[in-house]
Amino acid sequence: MEVRLTSLLEGAQQAEGTVVIIDVYRAFTTAAVAFLKGAEKIILVAEVEEALALRKEGKGDLCVGEVEGKRPEGFDHNNSPFEMCRADLDGKIVIQSTRAGTVGVCAATKADRIYGGSLVVSQATADAIAQDGPEIVTLVAMGWAGEVRTDEDELCALYLRNLLDGRTANPEHLRGLVMAGKESQKFGNPETPHFHSQDRDIALRIDAAPFAIEIENEDGLLTARPVADGRAFNSGTLCGGLT
């Protein structure tokens, strides 16, 4: 298995083989919580207008996402794991649009298979990929808006590569490195209240979700579903202890 590391929107556009689009803050942490809260599936789109149109057509129940970190007008929720913990999602179809994670998924047109990556699903993602046994795996750290590299996504890519290569890391050390990064400082900052401090806390619950997030084309729509190993889903693994 050849594991390649790349970054940003250009990396997503060039990615080949089994592709993991990594967005720790926050798209694929948000998606993981949504599945733990009972969402049936998540439709991923690049643009806000497309998400709103799909909801109007009855293709989904809720629009979740962000532009520059803020909930777009007309959306039900921000791209926030903490908000997902408090939302009623059981049996719901979520439509998600973000400026990094979902844009990266839409751009990965050369991929044979796509997963959504974050720290909370890293081990499960590595397990799913190992079971498939692809020749090429491309890990794409999407960064801020697909334009600027960020520590949390780059470190998640390195962590996932190590897992795929059979090596393990100390989660506390990894968590400390991410916490020291620039993006982590936005959370809990009074000047950026749309970045809940709990979003960061959830995103750093490394390997807490017992499933990978697999993304496939279903009737012309890029659709994410959880791929589990048989363990029961328990929202407490990511939402427990939050206030």
C-alpha atoms as a PDB file:
ATOM      1  CA  MET A   1       0.000   0.000   0.000  1.00  0.00           C
ATOM      2  CA  GLU A   2       1.423   3.363  -1.067  1.00  0.00           C
ATOM      3  CA  VAL A   3       0.290   6.184   1.221  1.00  0.00           C
ATOM      4  CA  ARG A   4       0.530   9.689  -0.192  1.00  0.00           C
ATOM      5  CA  LEU A   5       0.215  12.942   1.746  1.00  0.00           C
ATOM      6  CA  THR A   6      -1.127  16.066   0.094  1.00  0.00           C
ATOM      7  CA  SER A   7      -2.980  19.213   1.042  1.00  0.00           C
ATOM      8  CA  LEU A   8      -5.613  21.791   0.163  1.00  0.00           C
ATOM      9  CA  LEU A   9      -8.002  21.995  -2.781  1.00  0.00           C
ATOM     10  CA  GLU A  10      -5.263  21.272  -5.326  1.00  0.00           C
ATOM     11  CA  GLY A  11      -4.391  18.105  -3.441  1.00  0.00           C
ATOM     12  CA  ALA A  12      -8.006  16.983  -3.503  1.00  0.00           C
ATOM     13  CA  GLN A  13      -8.244  17.588  -7.234  1.00  0.00           C
ATOM     14  CA  GLN A  14      -5.144  15.458  -7.884  1.00  0.00           C
ATOM     15  CA  ALA A  15      -5.810  12.712  -5.335  1.00  0.00           C
ATOM     16  CA  GLU A  16      -5.951   9.134  -6.605  1.00  0.00           C
ATOM     17  CA  GLY A  17      -6.870   5.713  -5.289  1.00  0.00           C
ATOM     18  CA  THR A  18      -8.638   5.583  -1.951  1.00  0.00           C
ATOM     19  CA  VAL A  19      -8.860   9.206  -0.861  1.00  0.00           C
ATOM     20  CA  VAL A  20      -9.384  10.547   2.643  1.00  0.00           C
ATOM     21  CA  ILE A  21     -10.507  14.177   2.728  1.00  0.00           C
ATOM     22  CA  ILE A  22      -9.439  15.428   6.155  1.00  0.00           C
ATOM     23  CA  ASP A  23     -11.270  18.249   7.923  1.00  0.00           C
ATOM     24  CA  VAL A  24     -10.840  18.099  11.703  1.00  0.00           C
ATOM     25  CA  TYR A  25     -12.187  21.634  12.385  1.00  0.00           C
ATOM     26  CA  ARG A  26     -14.960  20.877  11.661  1.00  0.00           C
ATOM     27  CA  ALA A  27     -16.718  19.121   8.791  1.00  0.00           C
ATOM     28  CA  PHE A  28     -15.956  15.473   9.475  1.00  0.00           C
ATOM     29  CA  THR A  29     -16.109  15.838  13.223  1.00  0.00           C
ATOM     30  CA  THR A  30     -19.560  17.387  12.752  1.00  0.00           C
ATOM     31  CA  ALA A  31     -20.540  14.522  10.444  1.00  0.00           C
ATOM     32  CA  ALA A  32     -19.362  11.919  12.944  1.00  0.00           C
ATOM     33  CA  VAL A  33     -21.489  13.436  15.699  1.00  0.00           C
ATOM     34  CA  ALA A  34     -24.485  13.615  13.355  1.00  0.00           C
ATOM     35  CA  PHE A  35     -24.237   9.867  12.721  1.00  0.00           C
ATOM     36  CA  LEU A  36     -23.860   9.145  16.421  1.00  0.00           C
ATOM     37  CA  LYS A  37     -27.020  11.185  16.951  1.00  0.00           C
ATOM     38  CA  GLY A  38     -28.919   8.994  14.500  1.00  0.00           C
ATOM     39  CA  ALA A  39     -28.704  10.806  11.160  1.00  0.00           C
ATOM     40  CA  GLU A  40     -29.585   8.431   8.312  1.00  0.00           C
ATOM     41  CA  LYS A  41     -27.137   9.909   5.819  1.00  0.00           C
ATOM     42  CA  ILE A  42     -25.390  13.159   4.928  1.00  0.00           C
ATOM     43  CA  ILE A  43     -25.501  14.686   1.453  1.00  0.00           C
ATOM     44  CA  LEU A  44     -22.315  16.668   0.776  1.00  0.00           C
ATOM     45  CA  VAL A  45     -22.349  19.697  -1.505  1.00  0.00           C
ATOM     46  CA  ALA A  46     -19.868  22.460  -2.239  1.00  0.00           C
ATOM     47  CA  GLU A  47     -22.182  25.460  -2.343  1.00  0.00           C
ATOM     48  CA  VAL A  48     -24.688  26.961   0.075  1.00  0.00           C
ATOM     49  CA  GLU A  49     -27.237  27.551  -2.660  1.00  0.00           C
ATOM     50  CA  GLU A  50     -27.151  23.894  -3.674  1.00  0.00           C
ATOM     51  CA  ALA A  51     -27.796  22.794  -0.097  1.00  0.00           C
ATOM     52  CA  LEU A  52     -30.806  25.094   0.238  1.00  0.00           C
ATOM     53  CA  ALA A  53     -32.178  23.934  -3.111  1.00  0.00           C
ATOM     54  CA  LEU A  54     -31.896  20.267  -2.141  1.00  0.00           C
ATOM     55  CA  ARG A  55     -33.739  20.883   1.112  1.00  0.00           C
ATOM     56  CA  LYS A  56     -36.470  22.752  -0.780  1.00  0.00           C
ATOM     57  CA  GLU A  57     -36.789  19.788  -3.149  1.00  0.00           C
ATOM     58  CA  GLY A  58     -37.280  17.474  -0.176  1.00  0.00           C
ATOM     59  CA  LYS A  59     -33.951  15.662  -0.635  1.00  0.00           C
ATOM     60  CA  GLY A  60     -32.968  16.353   2.977  1.00  0.00           C
ATOM     61  CA  ASP A  61     -34.327  17.562   6.291  1.00  0.00           C
ATOM     62  CA  LEU A  62     -31.653  19.913   7.623  1.00  0.00           C
ATOM     63  CA  CYS A  63     -28.928  22.146   6.205  1.00  0.00           C
ATOM     64  CA  VAL A  64     -25.700  22.216   8.208  1.00  0.00           C
ATOM     65  CA  GLY A  65     -22.618  24.181   7.281  1.00  0.00           C
ATOM     66  CA  GLU A  66     -20.540  27.323   7.304  1.00  0.00           C
ATOM     67  CA  VAL A  67     -18.993  30.132   5.329  1.00  0.00           C
ATOM     68  CA  GLU A  68     -15.947  31.632   7.061  1.00  0.00           C
ATOM     69  CA  GLY A  69     -16.943  29.636  10.120  1.00  0.00           C
ATOM     70  CA  LYS A  70     -20.439  31.124  10.393  1.00  0.00           C
ATOM     71  CA  ARG A  71     -23.854  29.557   9.758  1.00  0.00           C
ATOM     72  CA  PRO A  72     -25.135  30.672   6.344  1.00  0.00           C
ATOM     73  CA  GLU A  73     -28.491  32.407   6.166  1.00  0.00           C
ATOM     74  CA  GLY A  74     -31.290  29.856   5.871  1.00  0.00           C
ATOM     75  CA  PHE A  75     -29.261  26.989   7.354  1.00  0.00           C
ATOM     76  CA  ASP A  76     -30.515  25.078  10.371  1.00  0.00           C
ATOM     77  CA  HIS A  77     -27.164  24.689  12.100  1.00  0.00           C
ATOM     78  CA  ASN A  78     -23.578  25.841  11.911  1.00  0.00           C
ATOM     79  CA  ASN A  79     -20.884  23.324  10.999  1.00  0.00           C
ATOM     80  CA  SER A  80     -20.586  22.569  14.705  1.00  0.00           C
ATOM     81  CA  PRO A  81     -20.130  19.232  16.485  1.00  0.00           C
ATOM     82  CA  PHE A  82     -21.490  20.830  19.660  1.00  0.00           C
ATOM     83  CA  GLU A  83     -24.662  21.949  17.888  1.00  0.00           C
ATOM     84  CA  MET A  84     -25.061  18.438  16.483  1.00  0.00           C
ATOM     85  CA  CYS A  85     -24.898  17.051  20.014  1.00  0.00           C
ATOM     86  CA  ARG A  86     -27.926  19.178  20.904  1.00  0.00           C
ATOM     87  CA  ALA A  87     -29.898  18.621  17.678  1.00  0.00           C
ATOM     88  CA  ASP A  88     -32.685  16.142  16.984  1.00  0.00           C
ATOM     89  CA  LEU A  89     -31.187  14.115  14.130  1.00  0.00           C
ATOM     90  CA  ASP A  90     -32.684  10.649  14.594  1.00  0.00           C
ATOM     91  CA  GLY A  91     -33.619   9.309  11.172  1.00  0.00           C
ATOM     92  CA  LYS A  92     -32.920  12.671   9.508  1.00  0.00           C
ATOM     93  CA  ILE A  93     -31.136  13.330   6.228  1.00  0.00           C
ATOM     94  CA  VAL A  94     -28.563  16.100   6.670  1.00  0.00           C
ATOM     95  CA  ILE A  95     -27.283  18.301   3.844  1.00  0.00           C
ATOM     96  CA  GLN A  96     -23.815  19.653   4.607  1.00  0.00           C
ATOM     97  CA  SER A  97     -21.884  22.437   2.906  1.00  0.00           C
ATOM     98  CA  THR A  98     -18.537  23.743   4.170  1.00  0.00           C
ATOM     99  CA  ARG A  99     -15.676  25.654   2.631  1.00  0.00           C
ATOM    100  CA  ALA A 100     -13.083  22.897   3.081  1.00  0.00           C
ATOM    101  CA  GLY A 101     -14.335  19.379   3.791  1.00  0.00           C
ATOM    102  CA  THR A 102     -17.321  19.126   1.465  1.00  0.00           C
ATOM    103  CA  VAL A 103     -15.603  21.211  -1.208  1.00  0.00           C
ATOM    104  CA  GLY A 104     -12.686  18.774  -1.072  1.00  0.00           C
ATOM    105  CA  VAL A 105     -14.980  15.780  -1.452  1.00  0.00           C
ATOM    106  CA  CYS A 106     -16.623  17.351  -4.499  1.00  0.00           C
ATOM    107  CA  ALA A 107     -13.190  18.100  -5.997  1.00  0.00           C
ATOM    108  CA  ALA A 108     -11.842  14.539  -5.583  1.00  0.00           C
ATOM    109  CA  THR A 109     -13.049  13.378  -8.988  1.00  0.00           C
ATOM    110  CA  LYS A 110     -10.081  11.034  -9.588  1.00  0.00           C
ATOM    111  CA  ALA A 111     -10.735   8.977  -6.462  1.00  0.00           C
ATOM    112  CA  ASP A 112     -11.745   5.320  -6.575  1.00  0.00           C
ATOM    113  CA  ARG A 113     -13.197   5.553  -3.064  1.00  0.00           C
ATOM    114  CA  ILE A 114     -13.621   8.475  -0.653  1.00  0.00           C
ATOM    115  CA  TYR A 115     -13.689   8.733   3.123  1.00  0.00           C
ATOM    116  CA  GLY A 116     -14.237  11.777   5.302  1.00  0.00           C
ATOM    117  CA  GLY A 117     -11.394  12.058   7.788  1.00  0.00           C
ATOM    118  CA  SER A 118     -10.973  13.592  11.242  1.00  0.00           C
ATOM    119  CA  LEU A 119      -9.255  12.647  14.455  1.00  0.00           C
ATOM    120  CA  VAL A 120     -12.408  11.121  15.940  1.00  0.00           C
ATOM    121  CA  VAL A 121     -12.693   8.561  13.116  1.00  0.00           C
ATOM    122  CA  SER A 122      -9.001   7.948  12.326  1.00  0.00           C
ATOM    123  CA  GLN A 123      -8.626   4.415  13.699  1.00  0.00           C
ATOM    124  CA  ALA A 124     -11.906   3.258  12.184  1.00  0.00           C
ATOM    125  CA  THR A 125     -10.909   4.812   8.866  1.00  0.00           C
ATOM    126  CA  ALA A 126      -7.520   3.074   8.920  1.00  0.00           C
ATOM    127  CA  ASP A 127      -9.252  -0.230   9.714  1.00  0.00           C
ATOM    128  CA  ALA A 128     -11.703   0.179   6.824  1.00  0.00           C
ATOM    129  CA  ILE A 129      -8.931   1.037   4.377  1.00  0.00           C
ATOM    130  CA  ALA A 130      -6.768  -1.873   5.545  1.00  0.00           C
ATOM    131  CA  GLN A 131      -9.680  -4.227   4.995  1.00  0.00           C
ATOM    132  CA  ASP A 132     -10.078  -2.928   1.421  1.00  0.00           C
ATOM    133  CA  GLY A 133      -6.340  -3.230   0.702  1.00  0.00           C
ATOM    134  CA  PRO A 134      -6.021  -0.531  -2.000  1.00  0.00           C
ATOM    135  CA  GLU A 135      -2.764  -0.008  -3.874  1.00  0.00           C
ATOM    136  CA  ILE A 136      -2.806   3.774  -3.375  1.00  0.00           C
ATOM    137  CA  VAL A 137      -4.163   5.839  -0.483  1.00  0.00           C
ATOM    138  CA  THR A 138      -4.110   9.633  -0.696  1.00  0.00           C
ATOM    139  CA  LEU A 139      -4.575  11.615   2.506  1.00  0.00           C
ATOM    140  CA  VAL A 140      -5.659  15.193   1.818  1.00  0.00           C
ATOM    141  CA  ALA A 141      -5.342  17.745   4.631  1.00  0.00           C
ATOM    142  CA  MET A 142      -7.857  20.411   3.554  1.00  0.00           C
ATOM    143  CA  GLY A 143      -6.788  23.222   5.894  1.00  0.00           C
ATOM    144  CA  TRP A 144      -8.606  26.541   6.158  1.00  0.00           C
ATOM    145  CA  ALA A 145     -11.035  26.949   3.253  1.00  0.00           C
ATOM    146  CA  GLY A 146      -8.880  24.593   1.177  1.00  0.00           C
ATOM    147  CA  GLU A 147      -6.346  27.385   0.788  1.00  0.00           C
ATOM    148  CA  VAL A 148      -4.121  27.521   3.903  1.00  0.00           C
ATOM    149  CA  ARG A 149      -2.497  24.551   5.629  1.00  0.00           C
ATOM    150  CA  THR A 150      -3.505  24.030   9.254  1.00  0.00           C
ATOM    151  CA  ASP A 151      -1.853  22.030  12.007  1.00  0.00           C
ATOM    152  CA  GLU A 152      -4.867  19.927  12.963  1.00  0.00           C
ATOM    153  CA  ASP A 153      -5.453  18.570   9.449  1.00  0.00           C
ATOM    154  CA  GLU A 154      -1.763  18.026   8.683  1.00  0.00           C
ATOM    155  CA  LEU A 155      -1.262  16.232  12.008  1.00  0.00           C
ATOM    156  CA  CYS A 156      -4.360  14.111  11.442  1.00  0.00           C
ATOM    157  CA  ALA A 157      -2.941  13.050   8.068  1.00  0.00           C
ATOM    158  CA  LEU A 158       0.348  12.039   9.707  1.00  0.00           C
ATOM    159  CA  TYR A 159      -1.496  10.160  12.451  1.00  0.00           C
ATOM    160  CA  LEU A 160      -3.612   8.309   9.911  1.00  0.00           C
ATOM    161  CA  ARG A 161      -0.542   7.434   7.832  1.00  0.00           C
ATOM    162  CA  ASN A 162       1.117   5.957  10.904  1.00  0.00           C
ATOM    163  CA  LEU A 163      -1.980   3.881  11.658  1.00  0.00           C
ATOM    164  CA  LEU A 164      -2.034   2.602   8.079  1.00  0.00           C
ATOM    165  CA  ASP A 165       1.655   1.697   8.392  1.00  0.00           C
ATOM    166  CA  GLY A 166       1.017  -0.177  11.638  1.00  0.00           C
ATOM    167  CA  ARG A 167       2.484   2.429  13.975  1.00  0.00           C
ATOM    168  CA  THR A 168       0.737   4.098  16.866  1.00  0.00           C
ATOM    169  CA  ALA A 169       1.131   7.496  18.519  1.00  0.00           C
ATOM    170  CA  ASN A 170       0.420   8.849  21.966  1.00  0.00           C
ATOM    171  CA  PRO A 171      -3.013  10.540  21.724  1.00  0.00           C
ATOM    172  CA  GLU A 172      -2.143  13.005  24.477  1.00  0.00           C
ATOM    173  CA  HIS A 173       0.958  14.150  22.618  1.00  0.00           C
ATOM    174  CA  LEU A 174      -1.058  14.530  19.420  1.00  0.00           C
ATOM    175  CA  ARG A 175      -3.777  16.416  21.251  1.00  0.00           C
ATOM    176  CA  GLY A 176      -1.204  18.795  22.731  1.00  0.00           C
ATOM    177  CA  LEU A 177       0.272  19.587  19.328  1.00  0.00           C
ATOM    178  CA  VAL A 178      -3.141  20.333  17.875  1.00  0.00           C
ATOM    179  CA  MET A 179      -4.096  22.489  20.870  1.00  0.00           C
ATOM    180  CA  ALA A 180      -0.989  24.619  20.298  1.00  0.00           C
ATOM    181  CA  GLY A 181      -1.955  25.300  16.675  1.00  0.00           C
ATOM    182  CA  LYS A 182      -3.307  28.602  15.391  1.00  0.00           C
ATOM    183  CA  GLU A 183      -6.751  27.273  14.460  1.00  0.00           C
ATOM    184  CA  SER A 184      -7.311  25.898  17.951  1.00  0.00           C
ATOM    185  CA  GLN A 185      -7.113  29.410  19.383  1.00  0.00           C
ATOM    186  CA  LYS A 186     -10.353  30.437  17.667  1.00  0.00           C
ATOM    187  CA  PHE A 187     -12.431  28.181  19.866  1.00  0.00           C
ATOM    188  CA  GLY A 188     -13.771  29.786  23.027  1.00  0.00           C
ATOM    189  CA  ASN A 189     -12.480  33.201  21.916  1.00  0.00           C
ATOM    190  CA  PRO A 190     -15.071  35.940  22.640  1.00  0.00           C
ATOM    191  CA  GLU A 191     -14.177  37.568  19.312  1.00  0.00           C
ATOM    192  CA  THR A 192     -15.198  34.411  17.428  1.00  0.00           C
ATOM    193  CA  PRO A 193     -18.275  33.106  19.294  1.00  0.00           C
ATOM    194  CA  HIS A 194     -19.316  30.940  16.328  1.00  0.00           C
ATOM    195  CA  PHE A 195     -16.383  28.665  17.167  1.00  0.00           C
ATOM    196  CA  HIS A 196     -17.693  26.924  20.291  1.00  0.00           C
ATOM    197  CA  SER A 197     -14.979  25.789  22.685  1.00  0.00           C
ATOM    198  CA  GLN A 198     -16.850  22.469  22.870  1.00  0.00           C
ATOM    199  CA  ASP A 199     -16.270  21.993  19.118  1.00  0.00           C
ATOM    200  CA  ARG A 200     -12.547  21.793  19.782  1.00  0.00           C
ATOM    201  CA  ASP A 201     -13.044  19.474  22.738  1.00  0.00           C
ATOM    202  CA  ILE A 202     -15.130  17.073  20.661  1.00  0.00           C
ATOM    203  CA  ALA A 203     -12.718  17.172  17.712  1.00  0.00           C
ATOM    204  CA  LEU A 204      -9.882  16.107  20.016  1.00  0.00           C
ATOM    205  CA  ARG A 205     -11.621  12.970  21.312  1.00  0.00           C
ATOM    206  CA  ILE A 206      -9.272  10.904  19.222  1.00  0.00           C
ATOM    207  CA  ASP A 207     -10.656   7.650  17.790  1.00  0.00           C
ATOM    208  CA  ALA A 208     -13.888   7.997  19.794  1.00  0.00           C
ATOM    209  CA  ALA A 209     -16.229   7.203  16.896  1.00  0.00           C
ATOM    210  CA  PRO A 210     -16.565   3.478  16.048  1.00  0.00           C
ATOM    211  CA  PHE A 211     -17.002   3.952  12.301  1.00  0.00           C
ATOM    212  CA  ALA A 212     -15.460   5.359   9.155  1.00  0.00           C
ATOM    213  CA  ILE A 213     -17.327   7.915   7.060  1.00  0.00           C
ATOM    214  CA  GLU A 214     -17.604   6.503   3.554  1.00  0.00           C
ATOM    215  CA  ILE A 215     -18.790   8.743   0.736  1.00  0.00           C
ATOM    216  CA  GLU A 216     -20.370   7.416  -2.449  1.00  0.00           C
ATOM    217  CA  ASN A 217     -22.372   8.757  -5.355  1.00  0.00           C
ATOM    218  CA  GLU A 218     -26.024   7.896  -4.773  1.00  0.00           C
ATOM    219  CA  ASP A 219     -28.400   9.027  -7.517  1.00  0.00           C
ATOM    220  CA  GLY A 220     -26.049  11.815  -8.519  1.00  0.00           C
ATOM    221  CA  LEU A 221     -25.459  13.088  -4.969  1.00  0.00           C
ATOM    222  CA  LEU A 222     -22.300  12.600  -2.919  1.00  0.00           C
ATOM    223  CA  THR A 223     -23.620  10.828   0.156  1.00  0.00           C
ATOM    224  CA  ALA A 224     -21.865   9.931   3.389  1.00  0.00           C
ATOM    225  CA  ARG A 225     -22.789   6.970   5.566  1.00  0.00           C
ATOM    226  CA  PRO A 226     -21.072   5.393   8.573  1.00  0.00           C
ATOM    227  CA  VAL A 227     -19.217   2.128   7.995  1.00  0.00           C
ATOM    228  CA  ALA A 228     -18.949   0.311  11.323  1.00  0.00           C
ATOM    229  CA  ASP A 229     -17.415  -2.903  12.610  1.00  0.00           C
ATOM    230  CA  GLY A 230     -20.560  -4.004  14.404  1.00  0.00           C
ATOM    231  CA  ARG A 231     -20.134  -1.962  17.584  1.00  0.00           C
ATOM    232  CA  ALA A 232     -23.227  -0.067  18.698  1.00  0.00           C
ATOM    233  CA  PHE A 233     -23.209   3.696  18.199  1.00  0.00           C
ATOM    234  CA  ASN A 234     -23.219   5.714  21.393  1.00  0.00           C
ATOM    235  CA  SER A 235     -23.415   9.491  21.174  1.00  0.00           C
ATOM    236  CA  GLY A 236     -21.878   9.710  24.639  1.00  0.00           C
ATOM    237  CA  THR A 237     -18.463   8.917  23.152  1.00  0.00           C
ATOM    238  CA  LEU A 238     -18.391  12.383  21.589  1.00  0.00           C
ATOM    239  CA  CYS A 239     -21.140  14.341  23.344  1.00  0.00           C
ATOM    240  CA  GLY A 240     -20.723  13.095  26.899  1.00  0.00           C
ATOM    241  CA  GLY A 241     -19.806  15.589  29.574  1.00  0.00           C
ATOM    242  CA  LEU A 242     -20.586  18.697  27.513  1.00  0.00           C
ATOM    243  CA  THR A 243     -22.525  21.652  28.879  1.00  0.00           C
END
